[in-house]
Amino acid sequence: MKIVLDEWFSLPRLGMDVFTKIVREAGLEYEKGKGFRATAKTDLVMVTSVLQSVLGEEAEVEVRCFICGEPVGCSTCVYDTVCDRRRISPRCICEKCKNGKDAFAVYSIRFAELLGD
């Protein structure tokens, strides 16, 4: 199962105790009609651990580029072997944006925009 930060996804009926654990304790958002969503505030370690034990399959976290919104490409990243995406900041950037002109300035502007919200 793949969990993409800040994107809605569905899960099978889990039971009230599991639902309470991942929503109230781990901070996974739930909205009827949309499903579940992990955000920067979600305890992804707890969510992935609970889902793996309940569903019997690995729960993988995927990050989208902080600048352009495209998948970061975690599997091809030079840090893939040492990165724990369950604990990573959702502020990663893809190779294209990282190598783009004025990457640090663009990243800083994007970060400042979020602070203004």
N, C-alpha and C. Protein backbone atom coordinates (compact mmCIF):
# COMPACT_ATOMS: atom_id res chain seq x y z
N MET A 1 0.83 -1.17 0.00
CA MET A 1 0.00 0.00 0.00
C MET A 1 0.88 1.23 0.00
N LYS A 2 0.49 2.22 -0.78
CA LYS A 2 1.27 3.45 -0.88
C LYS A 2 0.45 4.61 -0.30
N ILE A 3 1.10 5.36 0.59
CA ILE A 3 0.49 6.55 1.19
C ILE A 3 1.28 7.75 0.66
N VAL A 4 0.59 8.62 -0.06
CA VAL A 4 1.22 9.84 -0.58
C VAL A 4 0.82 10.98 0.35
N LEU A 5 1.81 11.68 0.90
CA LEU A 5 1.53 12.78 1.81
C LEU A 5 0.61 13.80 1.16
N ASP A 6 -0.38 14.25 1.92
CA ASP A 6 -1.34 15.27 1.53
C ASP A 6 -2.28 14.84 0.41
N GLU A 7 -2.42 13.55 0.16
CA GLU A 7 -3.39 13.06 -0.82
C GLU A 7 -4.34 12.08 -0.14
N TRP A 8 -5.60 12.15 -0.54
CA TRP A 8 -6.62 11.28 0.02
C TRP A 8 -6.45 9.86 -0.49
N PHE A 9 -6.70 8.89 0.38
CA PHE A 9 -6.66 7.48 -0.01
C PHE A 9 -7.71 6.72 0.78
N SER A 10 -8.04 5.54 0.30
CA SER A 10 -9.07 4.76 0.99
C SER A 10 -8.46 3.54 1.66
N LEU A 11 -9.15 3.07 2.66
CA LEU A 11 -8.77 1.87 3.40
C LEU A 11 -10.00 1.01 3.57
N PRO A 12 -9.82 -0.30 3.70
CA PRO A 12 -10.98 -1.14 4.01
C PRO A 12 -11.45 -0.85 5.43
N ARG A 13 -12.63 -1.29 5.76
CA ARG A 13 -13.14 -1.11 7.13
C ARG A 13 -12.16 -1.77 8.10
N LEU A 14 -11.73 -1.00 9.10
CA LEU A 14 -10.66 -1.45 9.99
C LEU A 14 -11.14 -1.82 11.39
N GLY A 15 -12.29 -1.41 11.77
CA GLY A 15 -12.74 -1.60 13.13
C GLY A 15 -12.51 -0.32 13.93
N MET A 16 -13.35 -0.10 14.93
CA MET A 16 -13.32 1.16 15.68
C MET A 16 -12.00 1.38 16.43
N ASP A 17 -11.42 0.32 17.01
CA ASP A 17 -10.19 0.49 17.77
C ASP A 17 -9.02 0.92 16.88
N VAL A 18 -8.92 0.33 15.68
CA VAL A 18 -7.84 0.70 14.75
C VAL A 18 -8.10 2.10 14.21
N PHE A 19 -9.34 2.39 13.84
CA PHE A 19 -9.70 3.71 13.34
C PHE A 19 -9.33 4.79 14.36
N THR A 20 -9.69 4.57 15.61
CA THR A 20 -9.39 5.52 16.68
C THR A 20 -7.88 5.72 16.82
N LYS A 21 -7.13 4.64 16.76
CA LYS A 21 -5.67 4.72 16.92
C LYS A 21 -5.03 5.56 15.81
N ILE A 22 -5.41 5.30 14.55
CA ILE A 22 -4.74 6.01 13.45
C ILE A 22 -5.26 7.43 13.25
N VAL A 23 -6.51 7.68 13.65
CA VAL A 23 -7.05 9.03 13.47
C VAL A 23 -6.79 9.91 14.69
N ARG A 24 -7.17 9.45 15.86
CA ARG A 24 -7.02 10.29 17.05
C ARG A 24 -5.60 10.32 17.59
N GLU A 25 -4.97 9.16 17.65
CA GLU A 25 -3.62 9.10 18.23
C GLU A 25 -2.53 9.46 17.23
N ALA A 26 -2.63 8.95 16.00
CA ALA A 26 -1.57 9.19 15.01
C ALA A 26 -1.81 10.44 14.17
N GLY A 27 -3.02 10.98 14.21
CA GLY A 27 -3.28 12.22 13.48
C GLY A 27 -3.56 12.06 11.99
N LEU A 28 -3.94 10.87 11.57
CA LEU A 28 -4.34 10.67 10.18
C LEU A 28 -5.70 11.32 10.01
N GLU A 29 -5.85 12.18 9.01
CA GLU A 29 -7.13 12.85 8.81
C GLU A 29 -8.14 11.91 8.17
N TYR A 30 -9.41 12.08 8.53
CA TYR A 30 -10.48 11.30 7.92
C TYR A 30 -11.62 12.23 7.58
N GLU A 31 -12.14 12.08 6.37
CA GLU A 31 -13.30 12.84 5.95
C GLU A 31 -14.21 11.91 5.16
N LYS A 32 -15.44 11.80 5.62
CA LYS A 32 -16.39 10.91 4.95
C LYS A 32 -16.54 11.33 3.50
N GLY A 33 -16.46 10.37 2.60
CA GLY A 33 -16.58 10.65 1.17
C GLY A 33 -15.23 10.84 0.50
N LYS A 34 -14.22 11.23 1.26
CA LYS A 34 -12.87 11.41 0.71
C LYS A 34 -11.93 10.31 1.17
N GLY A 35 -12.06 9.90 2.43
CA GLY A 35 -11.20 8.87 2.97
C GLY A 35 -10.21 9.41 3.98
N PHE A 36 -8.96 8.96 3.86
CA PHE A 36 -7.91 9.30 4.81
C PHE A 36 -6.84 10.13 4.12
N ARG A 37 -6.13 10.94 4.93
CA ARG A 37 -5.03 11.75 4.39
C ARG A 37 -3.96 11.94 5.46
N ALA A 38 -2.72 11.69 5.07
CA ALA A 38 -1.58 11.93 5.95
C ALA A 38 -1.02 13.31 5.66
N THR A 39 -0.71 14.04 6.70
CA THR A 39 -0.13 15.38 6.56
C THR A 39 1.19 15.43 7.32
N ALA A 40 1.79 16.59 7.33
CA ALA A 40 3.06 16.76 8.06
C ALA A 40 2.88 16.53 9.56
N LYS A 41 1.66 16.65 10.05
CA LYS A 41 1.39 16.46 11.48
C LYS A 41 1.10 15.01 11.85
N THR A 42 0.95 14.14 10.86
CA THR A 42 0.62 12.73 11.10
C THR A 42 1.84 11.96 11.59
N ASP A 43 1.64 11.12 12.58
CA ASP A 43 2.70 10.22 13.06
C ASP A 43 2.74 9.03 12.10
N LEU A 44 3.55 9.16 11.06
CA LEU A 44 3.61 8.14 10.01
C LEU A 44 4.20 6.82 10.49
N VAL A 45 5.05 6.87 11.49
CA VAL A 45 5.61 5.64 12.04
C VAL A 45 4.47 4.80 12.64
N MET A 46 3.61 5.45 13.41
CA MET A 46 2.49 4.74 14.03
C MET A 46 1.50 4.26 12.96
N VAL A 47 1.17 5.12 12.01
CA VAL A 47 0.20 4.76 10.97
C VAL A 47 0.69 3.56 10.16
N THR A 48 1.93 3.62 9.68
CA THR A 48 2.44 2.51 8.86
C THR A 48 2.54 1.23 9.66
N SER A 49 2.94 1.34 10.91
CA SER A 49 3.04 0.15 11.77
C SER A 49 1.67 -0.49 11.98
N VAL A 50 0.68 0.31 12.31
CA VAL A 50 -0.67 -0.21 12.54
C VAL A 50 -1.22 -0.81 11.26
N LEU A 51 -1.10 -0.10 10.14
CA LEU A 51 -1.65 -0.61 8.88
C LEU A 51 -0.95 -1.89 8.43
N GLN A 52 0.36 -1.96 8.61
CA GLN A 52 1.07 -3.18 8.23
C GLN A 52 0.59 -4.38 9.05
N SER A 53 0.38 -4.18 10.34
CA SER A 53 -0.06 -5.31 11.16
C SER A 53 -1.51 -5.69 10.86
N VAL A 54 -2.36 -4.73 10.57
CA VAL A 54 -3.77 -5.01 10.32
C VAL A 54 -4.00 -5.54 8.90
N LEU A 55 -3.35 -4.92 7.91
CA LEU A 55 -3.58 -5.30 6.52
C LEU A 55 -2.67 -6.43 6.04
N GLY A 56 -1.57 -6.66 6.75
CA GLY A 56 -0.65 -7.72 6.36
C GLY A 56 0.18 -7.39 5.13
N GLU A 57 0.32 -6.12 4.82
CA GLU A 57 1.16 -5.70 3.70
C GLU A 57 1.92 -4.44 4.08
N GLU A 58 3.05 -4.23 3.43
CA GLU A 58 3.89 -3.08 3.74
C GLU A 58 3.20 -1.78 3.34
N ALA A 59 3.26 -0.80 4.22
CA ALA A 59 2.72 0.53 3.94
C ALA A 59 3.90 1.44 3.63
N GLU A 60 3.96 1.95 2.41
CA GLU A 60 5.07 2.78 1.95
C GLU A 60 4.62 4.23 1.83
N VAL A 61 5.46 5.15 2.27
CA VAL A 61 5.16 6.57 2.21
C VAL A 61 5.87 7.18 1.02
N GLU A 62 5.14 7.97 0.23
CA GLU A 62 5.72 8.66 -0.92
C GLU A 62 5.56 10.17 -0.71
N VAL A 63 6.58 10.90 -1.11
CA VAL A 63 6.60 12.34 -0.93
C VAL A 63 6.53 13.03 -2.28
N ARG A 64 5.80 14.13 -2.34
CA ARG A 64 5.73 14.95 -3.56
C ARG A 64 6.66 16.14 -3.40
N CYS A 65 7.16 16.64 -4.51
CA CYS A 65 8.10 17.77 -4.50
C CYS A 65 7.44 19.00 -3.88
N PHE A 66 8.14 19.61 -2.99
CA PHE A 66 7.68 20.80 -2.28
C PHE A 66 7.48 21.97 -3.24
N ILE A 67 8.21 21.98 -4.33
CA ILE A 67 8.14 23.09 -5.28
C ILE A 67 7.13 22.84 -6.39
N CYS A 68 7.27 21.72 -7.10
CA CYS A 68 6.44 21.50 -8.29
C CYS A 68 5.27 20.53 -8.07
N GLY A 69 5.29 19.77 -6.98
CA GLY A 69 4.20 18.85 -6.67
C GLY A 69 4.29 17.49 -7.34
N GLU A 70 5.30 17.28 -8.17
CA GLU A 70 5.49 15.98 -8.83
C GLU A 70 6.11 15.00 -7.82
N PRO A 71 5.98 13.68 -8.06
CA PRO A 71 6.62 12.72 -7.16
C PRO A 71 8.13 12.99 -7.08
N VAL A 72 8.66 12.89 -5.88
CA VAL A 72 10.09 13.17 -5.67
C VAL A 72 10.96 12.12 -6.33
N GLY A 73 10.46 10.90 -6.43
CA GLY A 73 11.26 9.82 -7.00
C GLY A 73 12.17 9.23 -5.95
N CYS A 74 11.58 8.93 -4.82
CA CYS A 74 12.35 8.44 -3.68
C CYS A 74 13.23 7.24 -4.02
N SER A 75 12.73 6.34 -4.86
CA SER A 75 13.50 5.12 -5.16
C SER A 75 14.77 5.41 -5.95
N THR A 76 14.86 6.56 -6.61
CA THR A 76 16.06 6.91 -7.37
C THR A 76 16.89 7.99 -6.68
N CYS A 77 16.46 8.41 -5.52
CA CYS A 77 17.18 9.45 -4.78
C CYS A 77 18.48 8.90 -4.20
N VAL A 78 19.51 9.72 -4.15
CA VAL A 78 20.80 9.28 -3.60
C VAL A 78 20.70 8.97 -2.10
N TYR A 79 19.68 9.50 -1.43
CA TYR A 79 19.51 9.27 0.00
C TYR A 79 18.54 8.13 0.30
N ASP A 80 18.08 7.41 -0.71
CA ASP A 80 17.06 6.37 -0.53
C ASP A 80 17.44 5.33 0.52
N THR A 81 18.68 4.93 0.57
CA THR A 81 19.09 3.88 1.50
C THR A 81 19.14 4.35 2.95
N VAL A 82 19.21 5.66 3.19
CA VAL A 82 19.29 6.17 4.55
C VAL A 82 18.06 6.99 4.97
N CYS A 83 17.15 7.20 4.05
CA CYS A 83 15.98 8.04 4.31
C CYS A 83 14.83 7.20 4.85
N ASP A 84 14.27 7.63 5.94
CA ASP A 84 13.07 7.00 6.48
C ASP A 84 11.91 7.95 6.17
N ARG A 85 11.18 7.67 5.11
CA ARG A 85 10.12 8.57 4.65
C ARG A 85 8.99 8.71 5.68
N ARG A 86 8.96 7.82 6.66
CA ARG A 86 7.95 7.96 7.71
C ARG A 86 8.31 9.10 8.65
N ARG A 87 9.57 9.51 8.63
CA ARG A 87 10.02 10.57 9.53
C ARG A 87 10.50 11.81 8.79
N ILE A 88 10.47 11.78 7.48
CA ILE A 88 11.03 12.86 6.68
C ILE A 88 10.08 14.06 6.62
N SER A 89 10.65 15.20 6.45
CA SER A 89 9.85 16.39 6.24
C SER A 89 9.19 16.32 4.86
N PRO A 90 7.96 16.77 4.73
CA PRO A 90 7.32 16.79 3.41
C PRO A 90 7.83 17.94 2.56
N ARG A 91 9.00 18.43 2.87
CA ARG A 91 9.58 19.56 2.16
C ARG A 91 10.71 19.13 1.23
N CYS A 92 10.72 17.87 0.79
CA CYS A 92 11.73 17.38 -0.16
C CYS A 92 11.50 18.00 -1.52
N ILE A 93 12.54 18.02 -2.34
CA ILE A 93 12.38 18.50 -3.70
C ILE A 93 12.93 17.46 -4.67
N CYS A 94 12.35 17.43 -5.86
CA CYS A 94 12.77 16.46 -6.88
C CYS A 94 14.08 16.90 -7.52
N GLU A 95 14.70 15.99 -8.26
CA GLU A 95 15.97 16.28 -8.93
C GLU A 95 15.85 17.46 -9.90
N LYS A 96 14.74 17.50 -10.65
CA LYS A 96 14.55 18.58 -11.62
C LYS A 96 14.57 19.94 -10.93
N CYS A 97 13.84 20.07 -9.84
CA CYS A 97 13.79 21.35 -9.12
C CYS A 97 15.11 21.63 -8.40
N LYS A 98 15.71 20.58 -7.86
CA LYS A 98 16.98 20.75 -7.15
C LYS A 98 18.06 21.27 -8.08
N ASN A 99 18.04 20.81 -9.33
CA ASN A 99 19.05 21.23 -10.30
C ASN A 99 18.63 22.44 -11.12
N GLY A 100 17.44 22.96 -10.84
CA GLY A 100 16.94 24.11 -11.59
C GLY A 100 17.64 25.40 -11.19
N LYS A 101 17.43 26.39 -12.02
CA LYS A 101 18.02 27.71 -11.78
C LYS A 101 17.44 28.29 -10.49
N ASP A 102 18.30 28.83 -9.65
CA ASP A 102 17.90 29.47 -8.40
C ASP A 102 17.07 28.56 -7.49
N ALA A 103 17.46 27.31 -7.39
CA ALA A 103 16.70 26.32 -6.62
C ALA A 103 16.49 26.77 -5.17
N PHE A 104 17.53 27.29 -4.54
CA PHE A 104 17.39 27.69 -3.14
C PHE A 104 16.42 28.87 -3.00
N ALA A 105 16.49 29.81 -3.91
CA ALA A 105 15.59 30.97 -3.87
C ALA A 105 14.14 30.54 -4.08
N VAL A 106 13.91 29.65 -5.03
CA VAL A 106 12.55 29.16 -5.30
C VAL A 106 12.02 28.40 -4.09
N TYR A 107 12.86 27.56 -3.50
CA TYR A 107 12.49 26.80 -2.30
C TYR A 107 12.14 27.77 -1.16
N SER A 108 12.96 28.78 -0.96
CA SER A 108 12.74 29.75 0.10
C SER A 108 11.44 30.53 -0.09
N ILE A 109 11.16 30.89 -1.32
CA ILE A 109 9.92 31.62 -1.62
C ILE A 109 8.71 30.74 -1.32
N ARG A 110 8.78 29.50 -1.73
CA ARG A 110 7.68 28.56 -1.48
C ARG A 110 7.46 28.38 0.01
N PHE A 111 8.54 28.26 0.76
CA PHE A 111 8.45 28.10 2.21
C PHE A 111 7.84 29.35 2.84
N ALA A 112 8.26 30.53 2.39
CA ALA A 112 7.72 31.79 2.91
C ALA A 112 6.23 31.92 2.61
N GLU A 113 5.81 31.43 1.45
CA GLU A 113 4.38 31.46 1.11
C GLU A 113 3.57 30.65 2.12
N LEU A 114 4.09 29.50 2.53
CA LEU A 114 3.39 28.67 3.51
C LEU A 114 3.32 29.34 4.88
N LEU A 115 4.36 30.08 5.23
CA LEU A 115 4.36 30.77 6.51
C LEU A 115 3.29 31.87 6.54
N GLY A 116 2.98 32.43 5.39
CA GLY A 116 1.98 33.47 5.29
C GLY A 116 0.56 32.97 5.40
N ASP A 117 0.37 31.65 5.19
CA ASP A 117 -0.99 31.08 5.24
C ASP A 117 -1.54 31.02 6.63
